Amino acid sequence: MGRIALVTGGTRGIGAAIAIALKNADYTVAATYAGNDEAAAKFSADTGIPTYKWSVADYDECVEGIARIESDLGPIEVLVNNAGITRDGMFHKMTPQGWKDVIDTNLTGVFNMTHPIWTGMRDRKFGRVINISSINGQKGQMGQVNYSAAKAGDLGFTKALAQEGAFKGITVNAICPGYIGTEMVRAVPEKVLNETVIPQIPVGRLGEPEEIARCVVFLASDDAGFITGSTLTANGGQFVV
C-alpha cells in the first residue's frame, strides 16, 4: 500500500484526473465530493477509488470526514485541495451570498481541509499539501472578482504555510491551471472557444486534465522534496509570471 492521498472535488474534471493519476502512481487514494451522487458512484465503480461526501466549506464536516477516511485507510500524507465553485457575475451585480459561497469553498475550504490534517503531518515529519489555484488568481478575470480573490488567497496561504511546514518535512505548493478541457469548458460554444478562448493560448489548444494531474504527482513525490512555497503555472503560455 502506498502513501495515503486525499483529493477534494475528486470525482469529476481535474480532480478525477488527479485522483486516477495518484492511484496509478501507487498511492492509496480517497476522493471527496459535495453533491453529485451519481457521478461519484460512477467514478468509484470505474476506478475503485472510494468517495466521501461533504462540503469543504463546513469545518466540522471536514473534521468528521477526514477522521472517517483515516479510520478507513490510514493517516493522510498527501492532500490535494482541488474543490471549487464559481458564482460568476459583474461586481456591481454580485450579491453578498455569491461572494460568500465562493470564498467559503475556494479559500476557507482550503483552511478547513488542511488544518485538521496538519498536526498529523507535523508529528510524522512528512506531508504534501497541493493547492489547485487558477490563472485567474494570478491575473484576475472580469466577472470573477469573488473567484479571483479566493484563488489569489490560495497562493498567499501556500506561501505562508510552506514556511511553517518546511522544517517539519512538509511541502506546500500550488498549481495554477489555465483553460483546461474539462466537461465544463468544453460546454462553451465551439465558436467562442475557437475565436475567443484558444487564440489567447500561445500553444494553440486547451490543456488536458491529465496534464495538471501529472504536475500533482510530481509535487507529491519524494523527488519534489526541495520544492515548497512554489506556484506551478500550467496555462500554455497564456499568462507568464
Protein backbone atom coordinates (compact mmCIF):
# COMPACT_ATOMS: atom_id res chain seq x y z
CA MET A 1 0.00 0.00 0.00
CA GLY A 2 1.37 3.41 -0.99
CA ARG A 3 1.04 6.70 0.81
CA ILE A 4 -2.49 7.89 1.55
CA ALA A 5 -3.70 10.75 -0.66
CA LEU A 6 -6.92 12.72 -0.41
CA VAL A 7 -8.27 14.75 -3.33
CA THR A 8 -11.14 17.16 -2.71
CA GLY A 9 -13.58 17.64 -5.55
CA GLY A 10 -12.03 14.45 -6.81
CA THR A 11 -14.80 12.73 -8.77
CA ARG A 12 -15.03 14.93 -11.86
CA GLY A 13 -12.85 17.02 -14.15
CA ILE A 14 -9.37 17.93 -13.00
CA GLY A 15 -9.95 16.33 -9.60
CA ALA A 16 -10.86 12.98 -11.11
CA ALA A 17 -7.76 13.05 -13.31
CA ILE A 18 -5.63 13.82 -10.25
CA ALA A 19 -7.15 11.01 -8.20
CA ILE A 20 -6.64 8.49 -11.02
CA ALA A 21 -3.05 9.61 -11.65
CA LEU A 22 -2.17 9.28 -7.98
CA LYS A 23 -3.70 5.81 -7.86
CA ASN A 24 -1.70 4.84 -10.95
CA ALA A 25 1.41 6.10 -9.14
CA ASP A 26 0.68 3.62 -6.32
CA TYR A 27 -0.91 5.98 -3.82
CA THR A 28 -3.93 4.85 -1.83
CA VAL A 29 -6.47 7.49 -2.83
CA ALA A 30 -9.72 8.84 -1.44
CA ALA A 31 -11.82 11.47 -3.19
CA THR A 32 -14.41 13.86 -1.79
CA TYR A 33 -17.38 15.44 -3.50
CA ALA A 34 -20.14 17.83 -2.47
CA GLY A 35 -23.32 16.93 -4.28
CA ASN A 36 -23.36 14.78 -7.41
CA ASP A 37 -24.06 11.30 -6.06
CA GLU A 38 -24.49 9.75 -9.50
CA ALA A 39 -21.12 11.00 -10.77
CA ALA A 40 -19.41 9.87 -7.56
CA ALA A 41 -20.91 6.40 -7.74
CA LYS A 42 -19.82 6.02 -11.37
CA PHE A 43 -16.33 7.29 -10.55
CA SER A 44 -15.91 4.75 -7.74
CA ALA A 45 -17.28 1.93 -9.89
CA ASP A 46 -14.92 2.80 -12.75
CA THR A 47 -11.78 3.40 -10.70
CA GLY A 48 -12.15 1.56 -7.40
CA ILE A 49 -11.34 4.82 -5.58
CA PRO A 50 -13.57 5.33 -2.51
CA THR A 51 -15.54 8.57 -2.33
CA TYR A 52 -16.76 10.57 0.64
CA LYS A 53 -19.43 13.26 0.60
CA TRP A 54 -19.21 16.55 2.49
CA SER A 55 -18.86 20.30 1.95
CA VAL A 56 -15.34 21.65 2.35
CA ALA A 57 -16.97 24.94 3.37
CA ASP A 58 -18.01 23.37 6.69
CA TYR A 59 -15.14 22.90 9.15
CA ASP A 60 -16.93 20.36 11.34
CA GLU A 61 -17.87 18.25 8.31
CA CYS A 62 -14.20 18.31 7.24
CA VAL A 63 -13.02 17.15 10.66
CA GLU A 64 -15.57 14.34 10.70
CA GLY A 65 -14.91 13.28 7.10
CA ILE A 66 -11.14 13.29 7.49
CA ALA A 67 -11.47 11.14 10.61
CA ARG A 68 -13.59 8.66 8.62
CA ILE A 69 -11.02 8.43 5.85
CA GLU A 70 -8.13 7.99 8.26
CA SER A 71 -10.06 5.27 10.08
CA ASP A 72 -10.72 3.50 6.77
CA LEU A 73 -7.36 3.99 5.05
CA GLY A 74 -4.76 5.40 7.43
CA PRO A 75 -3.13 8.80 8.07
CA ILE A 76 -3.42 11.24 5.18
CA GLU A 77 0.04 12.10 3.87
CA VAL A 78 -0.87 13.92 0.64
CA LEU A 79 -3.69 16.47 0.49
CA VAL A 80 -4.82 17.96 -2.81
CA ASN A 81 -7.15 20.91 -2.28
CA ASN A 82 -8.98 20.92 -5.59
CA ALA A 83 -12.65 21.52 -4.66
CA GLY A 84 -14.00 24.76 -6.05
CA ILE A 85 -17.11 26.52 -7.30
CA THR A 86 -17.94 29.58 -9.39
CA ARG A 87 -20.65 32.17 -8.97
CA ASP A 88 -19.67 34.47 -11.81
CA GLY A 89 -21.11 37.90 -12.38
CA MET A 90 -20.05 41.50 -12.79
CA PHE A 91 -19.14 43.07 -9.47
CA HIS A 92 -21.98 45.61 -9.45
CA LYS A 93 -24.42 42.71 -9.69
CA MET A 94 -22.61 40.39 -7.28
CA THR A 95 -24.54 39.53 -4.15
CA PRO A 96 -23.04 39.08 -0.69
CA GLN A 97 -24.15 35.43 -0.87
CA GLY A 98 -22.41 34.94 -4.22
CA TRP A 99 -19.23 36.36 -2.70
CA LYS A 100 -19.53 34.27 0.47
CA ASP A 101 -20.25 30.99 -1.30
CA VAL A 102 -17.10 31.21 -3.40
CA ILE A 103 -14.82 32.42 -0.60
CA ASP A 104 -16.17 29.77 1.80
CA THR A 105 -15.48 26.92 -0.64
CA ASN A 106 -12.44 28.05 -2.61
CA LEU A 107 -10.44 29.75 0.15
CA THR A 108 -11.83 28.88 3.57
CA GLY A 109 -12.28 25.32 2.31
CA VAL A 110 -8.51 25.07 1.91
CA PHE A 111 -8.10 26.02 5.57
CA ASN A 112 -10.90 23.67 6.64
CA MET A 113 -9.26 20.70 4.94
CA THR A 114 -5.64 21.42 5.75
CA HIS A 115 -5.99 22.41 9.40
CA PRO A 116 -7.27 19.05 10.74
CA ILE A 117 -4.55 17.16 8.83
CA TRP A 118 -1.65 19.48 9.64
CA THR A 119 -0.83 18.28 13.15
CA GLY A 120 -0.54 14.68 11.99
CA MET A 121 1.80 15.69 9.19
CA ARG A 122 3.94 17.63 11.68
CA ASP A 123 4.05 14.69 14.07
CA ARG A 124 5.07 12.27 11.30
CA LYS A 125 7.52 14.81 9.84
CA PHE A 126 6.18 14.31 6.34
CA GLY A 127 3.43 15.80 4.26
CA ARG A 128 2.46 17.16 0.89
CA VAL A 129 -0.19 19.86 0.53
CA ILE A 130 -1.01 20.82 -3.06
CA ASN A 131 -3.48 23.62 -3.67
CA ILE A 132 -5.19 23.95 -7.04
CA SER A 133 -5.46 27.69 -7.66
CA SER A 134 -6.08 29.25 -11.08
CA ILE A 135 -4.65 31.50 -13.76
CA ASN A 136 -7.39 33.92 -12.71
CA GLY A 137 -5.96 34.06 -9.21
CA GLN A 138 -2.76 35.34 -10.82
CA LYS A 139 -4.07 37.82 -13.39
CA GLY A 140 -7.68 38.43 -12.33
CA GLN A 141 -10.71 38.00 -14.57
CA MET A 142 -13.62 40.29 -15.30
CA GLY A 143 -16.82 38.83 -13.87
CA GLN A 144 -14.89 36.73 -11.36
CA VAL A 145 -13.95 39.10 -8.57
CA ASN A 146 -15.02 36.54 -5.96
CA TYR A 147 -13.28 33.61 -7.67
CA SER A 148 -10.10 35.55 -8.46
CA ALA A 149 -9.88 36.84 -4.88
CA ALA A 150 -10.28 33.33 -3.46
CA LYS A 151 -7.74 31.79 -5.81
CA ALA A 152 -5.24 34.59 -5.13
CA GLY A 153 -5.80 33.94 -1.44
CA ASP A 154 -4.89 30.30 -2.00
CA LEU A 155 -1.50 31.45 -3.26
CA GLY A 156 -0.86 33.54 -0.14
CA PHE A 157 -1.95 30.60 2.00
CA THR A 158 0.53 28.39 0.14
CA LYS A 159 3.50 30.72 0.55
CA ALA A 160 2.91 31.34 4.25
CA LEU A 161 2.15 27.76 5.28
CA ALA A 162 5.15 26.46 3.32
CA GLN A 163 7.40 28.40 5.66
CA GLU A 164 5.80 26.76 8.68
CA GLY A 165 5.97 23.25 7.27
CA ALA A 166 9.45 23.24 5.78
CA PHE A 167 11.41 22.30 8.91
CA LYS A 168 8.87 19.56 9.65
CA GLY A 169 9.30 17.82 6.29
CA ILE A 170 6.04 19.17 4.84
CA THR A 171 5.92 20.89 1.47
CA VAL A 172 3.09 23.20 0.43
CA ASN A 173 2.77 24.16 -3.22
CA ALA A 174 0.16 25.48 -5.63
CA ILE A 175 -0.73 24.80 -9.24
CA CYS A 176 -2.43 27.42 -11.40
CA PRO A 177 -4.17 25.78 -14.36
CA GLY A 178 -5.22 27.82 -17.35
CA TYR A 179 -8.09 26.79 -19.60
CA ILE A 180 -8.39 23.02 -19.27
CA GLY A 181 -10.60 20.83 -21.44
CA THR A 182 -12.98 19.70 -18.74
CA GLU A 183 -16.64 18.96 -19.35
CA MET A 184 -17.50 22.48 -18.16
CA VAL A 185 -15.08 24.25 -20.51
CA ARG A 186 -15.95 22.06 -23.49
CA ALA A 187 -19.59 23.00 -22.96
CA VAL A 188 -18.69 26.54 -24.04
CA PRO A 189 -19.93 27.11 -27.62
CA GLU A 190 -17.34 25.96 -30.14
CA LYS A 191 -17.30 29.35 -31.82
CA VAL A 192 -16.41 31.05 -28.52
CA LEU A 193 -13.69 28.51 -27.78
CA ASN A 194 -12.14 28.76 -31.24
CA GLU A 195 -12.44 32.51 -31.72
CA THR A 196 -12.06 33.91 -28.21
CA VAL A 197 -10.50 31.44 -25.77
CA ILE A 198 -7.94 29.41 -27.70
CA PRO A 199 -6.41 32.40 -29.55
CA GLN A 200 -5.29 33.70 -26.12
CA ILE A 201 -3.27 30.50 -25.51
CA PRO A 202 0.13 30.53 -27.25
CA VAL A 203 0.32 26.74 -27.54
CA GLY A 204 -2.92 26.89 -29.51
CA ARG A 205 -5.07 24.44 -27.56
CA LEU A 206 -6.81 23.77 -24.27
CA GLY A 207 -4.91 21.90 -21.61
CA GLU A 208 -5.94 18.40 -20.60
CA PRO A 209 -6.87 17.39 -17.04
CA GLU A 210 -4.18 14.72 -17.15
CA GLU A 211 -1.54 17.43 -17.66
CA ILE A 212 -2.50 19.03 -14.36
CA ALA A 213 -2.60 15.60 -12.74
CA ARG A 214 1.00 14.92 -13.76
CA CYS A 215 2.04 18.15 -12.05
CA VAL A 216 0.36 16.94 -8.86
CA VAL A 217 2.04 13.54 -9.00
CA PHE A 218 5.44 15.23 -9.27
CA LEU A 219 4.83 17.65 -6.39
CA ALA A 220 3.58 14.76 -4.24
CA SER A 221 6.69 12.69 -4.89
CA ASP A 222 9.92 12.41 -2.93
CA ASP A 223 11.65 13.96 -5.95
CA ALA A 224 9.94 17.27 -5.13
CA GLY A 225 11.12 17.44 -1.53
CA PHE A 226 13.15 20.62 -2.11
CA ILE A 227 10.23 22.46 -3.73
CA THR A 228 7.93 24.32 -1.35
CA GLY A 229 6.06 27.62 -1.39
CA SER A 230 6.08 27.47 -5.17
CA THR A 231 3.40 28.16 -7.76
CA LEU A 232 3.50 25.97 -10.86
CA THR A 233 1.73 27.61 -13.78
CA ALA A 234 0.22 25.28 -16.36
CA ASN A 235 -1.55 27.55 -18.82
CA GLY A 236 0.04 27.04 -22.23
CA GLY A 237 1.83 30.37 -22.01
CA GLN A 238 -1.36 32.41 -21.64
CA PHE A 239 -0.05 34.25 -18.59
CA VAL A 240 3.68 34.24 -17.85
CA VAL A 241 4.97 35.07 -14.37
